[in-house]
C-alpha atoms as a PDB file:
ATOM      1  CA  UNK A   1      15.080 -62.018 114.547  1.00  0.00           C
ATOM      2  CA  UNK A   2      15.208 -63.263 111.175  1.00  0.00           C
ATOM      3  CA  UNK A   3      11.395 -63.955 110.624  1.00  0.00           C
ATOM      4  CA  UNK A   4      10.398 -60.394 111.104  1.00  0.00           C
ATOM      5  CA  UNK A   5      11.426 -59.413 107.418  1.00  0.00           C
ATOM      6  CA  UNK A   6      10.029 -62.821 106.373  1.00  0.00           C
ATOM      7  CA  UNK A   7       6.847 -62.829 107.414  1.00  0.00           C
ATOM      8  CA  UNK A   8       5.241 -59.725 105.422  1.00  0.00           C
ATOM      9  CA  UNK A   9       6.624 -61.382 101.876  1.00  0.00           C
ATOM     10  CA  UNK A  10       4.569 -64.735 103.053  1.00  0.00           C
ATOM     11  CA  UNK A  11       2.346 -63.004 103.870  1.00  0.00           C
ATOM     12  CA  UNK A  12       1.901 -61.210 100.953  1.00  0.00           C
ATOM     13  CA  UNK A  13       3.001 -65.009  99.016  1.00  0.00           C
ATOM     14  CA  UNK A  14      -0.840 -66.487 100.696  1.00  0.00           C
ATOM     15  CA  UNK A  15      -2.861 -63.126  99.383  1.00  0.00           C
ATOM     16  CA  UNK A  16      -0.827 -63.735  95.870  1.00  0.00           C
ATOM     17  CA  UNK A  17      -1.974 -67.122  95.705  1.00  0.00           C
ATOM     18  CA  UNK A  18      -5.750 -66.876  96.683  1.00  0.00           C
ATOM     19  CA  UNK A  19      -6.295 -63.683  93.716  1.00  0.00           C
ATOM     20  CA  UNK A  20      -6.604 -65.997  91.518  1.00  0.00           C
ATOM     21  CA  UNK A  21      -9.671 -64.935  88.797  1.00  0.00           C
ATOM     22  CA  UNK A  22     -11.789 -67.987  87.201  1.00  0.00           C
ATOM     23  CA  UNK A  23     -13.215 -66.907  84.133  1.00  0.00           C
ATOM     24  CA  UNK A  24     -17.175 -66.156  83.093  1.00  0.00           C
ATOM     25  CA  UNK A  25     -18.850 -70.222  82.503  1.00  0.00           C
ATOM     26  CA  UNK A  26     -20.181 -69.402  79.022  1.00  0.00           C
ATOM     27  CA  UNK A  27     -24.164 -70.660  78.491  1.00  0.00           C
ATOM     28  CA  UNK A  28     -24.431 -73.556  76.888  1.00  0.00           C
ATOM     29  CA  UNK A  29     -26.849 -74.691  74.717  1.00  0.00           C
ATOM     30  CA  UNK A  30     -29.993 -77.919  76.757  1.00  0.00           C
ATOM     31  CA  UNK A  31     -29.380 -81.892  74.659  1.00  0.00           C
ATOM     32  CA  UNK A  32     -33.099 -82.419  76.200  1.00  0.00           C
ATOM     33  CA  UNK A  33     -35.192 -83.516  73.524  1.00  0.00           C
ATOM     34  CA  UNK A  34     -37.774 -81.409  72.270  1.00  0.00           C
ATOM     35  CA  UNK A  35     -41.131 -82.452  71.827  1.00  0.00           C
ATOM     36  CA  UNK A  36     -41.302 -83.010  67.090  1.00  0.00           C
ATOM     37  CA  UNK A  37     -45.166 -81.190  67.047  1.00  0.00           C
ATOM     38  CA  UNK A  38     -43.479 -78.190  69.303  1.00  0.00           C
ATOM     39  CA  UNK A  39     -40.668 -78.109  66.824  1.00  0.00           C
ATOM     40  CA  UNK A  40     -42.472 -77.619  64.183  1.00  0.00           C
ATOM     41  CA  UNK A  41     -44.812 -75.931  65.398  1.00  0.00           C
ATOM     42  CA  UNK A  42     -42.289 -73.045  66.086  1.00  0.00           C
ATOM     43  CA  UNK A  43     -40.270 -73.497  62.722  1.00  0.00           C
ATOM     44  CA  UNK A  44     -43.607 -72.876  60.857  1.00  0.00           C
ATOM     45  CA  UNK A  45     -44.211 -69.978  62.807  1.00  0.00           C
ATOM     46  CA  UNK A  46     -40.745 -68.644  62.792  1.00  0.00           C
ATOM     47  CA  UNK A  47     -40.791 -68.793  58.860  1.00  0.00           C
ATOM     48  CA  UNK A  48     -44.371 -67.005  58.641  1.00  0.00           C
ATOM     49  CA  UNK A  49     -43.065 -64.406  61.077  1.00  0.00           C
ATOM     50  CA  UNK A  50     -39.613 -63.776  58.693  1.00  0.00           C
ATOM     51  CA  UNK A  51     -41.321 -63.990  55.770  1.00  0.00           C
ATOM     52  CA  UNK A  52     -43.917 -60.752  56.571  1.00  0.00           C
ATOM     53  CA  UNK A  53     -41.176 -59.119  58.372  1.00  0.00           C
ATOM     54  CA  UNK A  54     -39.246 -59.959  54.792  1.00  0.00           C
ATOM     55  CA  UNK A  55     -41.804 -59.264  52.473  1.00  0.00           C
ATOM     56  CA  UNK A  56     -41.227 -62.603  50.662  1.00  0.00           C
ATOM     57  CA  UNK A  57     -42.929 -66.004  51.249  1.00  0.00           C
ATOM     58  CA  UNK A  58     -42.364 -68.740  53.612  1.00  0.00           C
ATOM     59  CA  UNK A  59     -41.106 -71.285  51.289  1.00  0.00           C
ATOM     60  CA  UNK A  60     -38.301 -69.152  50.591  1.00  0.00           C
ATOM     61  CA  UNK A  61     -37.420 -69.132  53.805  1.00  0.00           C
ATOM     62  CA  UNK A  62     -34.677 -71.351  55.687  1.00  0.00           C
ATOM     63  CA  UNK A  63     -34.246 -72.408  59.444  1.00  0.00           C
ATOM     64  CA  UNK A  64     -30.239 -74.149  60.091  1.00  0.00           C
ATOM     65  CA  UNK A  65     -30.628 -74.243  63.716  1.00  0.00           C
ATOM     66  CA  UNK A  66     -32.262 -75.078  66.833  1.00  0.00           C
ATOM     67  CA  UNK A  67     -31.342 -73.920  69.837  1.00  0.00           C
ATOM     68  CA  UNK A  68     -32.674 -74.809  74.051  1.00  0.00           C
ATOM     69  CA  UNK A  69     -31.630 -72.671  76.257  1.00  0.00           C
ATOM     70  CA  UNK A  70     -32.112 -73.145  79.905  1.00  0.00           C
ATOM     71  CA  UNK A  71     -35.759 -71.068  80.080  1.00  0.00           C
ATOM     72  CA  UNK A  72     -35.991 -70.408  75.666  1.00  0.00           C
ATOM     73  CA  UNK A  73     -35.391 -72.003  72.407  1.00  0.00           C
ATOM     74  CA  UNK A  74     -34.124 -70.076  69.647  1.00  0.00           C
ATOM     75  CA  UNK A  75     -34.284 -70.465  65.905  1.00  0.00           C
ATOM     76  CA  UNK A  76     -32.037 -69.171  63.196  1.00  0.00           C
ATOM     77  CA  UNK A  77     -32.204 -68.969  59.802  1.00  0.00           C
ATOM     78  CA  UNK A  78     -31.604 -67.341  56.214  1.00  0.00           C
ATOM     79  CA  UNK A  79     -33.702 -65.643  53.608  1.00  0.00           C
ATOM     80  CA  UNK A  80     -33.502 -66.565  49.558  1.00  0.00           C
ATOM     81  CA  UNK A  81     -31.378 -63.088  49.667  1.00  0.00           C
ATOM     82  CA  UNK A  82     -28.691 -64.630  52.412  1.00  0.00           C
ATOM     83  CA  UNK A  83     -30.673 -62.308  54.847  1.00  0.00           C
ATOM     84  CA  UNK A  84     -30.177 -63.761  58.389  1.00  0.00           C
ATOM     85  CA  UNK A  85     -32.457 -63.663  61.079  1.00  0.00           C
ATOM     86  CA  UNK A  86     -33.350 -65.259  64.609  1.00  0.00           C
ATOM     87  CA  UNK A  87     -36.982 -65.887  66.254  1.00  0.00           C
ATOM     88  CA  UNK A  88     -36.890 -66.583  70.116  1.00  0.00           C
ATOM     89  CA  UNK A  89     -39.316 -68.506  72.008  1.00  0.00           C
ATOM     90  CA  UNK A  90     -40.337 -69.076  75.871  1.00  0.00           C
ATOM     91  CA  UNK A  91     -39.959 -72.197  77.580  1.00  0.00           C
ATOM     92  CA  UNK A  92     -43.781 -73.205  76.612  1.00  0.00           C
ATOM     93  CA  UNK A  93     -43.010 -72.542  72.910  1.00  0.00           C
ATOM     94  CA  UNK A  94     -44.869 -69.312  72.665  1.00  0.00           C
ATOM     95  CA  UNK A  95     -43.446 -66.621  70.033  1.00  0.00           C
ATOM     96  CA  UNK A  96     -41.557 -63.789  71.667  1.00  0.00           C
ATOM     97  CA  UNK A  97     -39.862 -61.932  68.925  1.00  0.00           C
ATOM     98  CA  UNK A  98     -37.870 -62.247  65.752  1.00  0.00           C
ATOM     99  CA  UNK A  99     -34.483 -60.626  65.347  1.00  0.00           C
ATOM    100  CA  UNK A 100     -33.179 -59.340  62.187  1.00  0.00           C
ATOM    101  CA  UNK A 101     -29.247 -60.313  62.227  1.00  0.00           C
END
């Protein structure tokens, strides 16, 4: 007769143990090698687009970061006035857009 009061407590403990929530997995960049000609072309296109957007020379644009994601590439950079931007490219290296940050 001692089992009846313990049964709801046991069920509650089992359910509480199953309710753990895992934190979302952060998307990491891929470390696969990229064709140097493709990356240099993307860098030049990014510099040209940023120079046009910020009304400056391409020589005054610094591209500081290159990241590859599952289906895209991102190049980060700064202008001479420390304005930051991100250029996005698709998996084939085609220019998608320039984001001002």
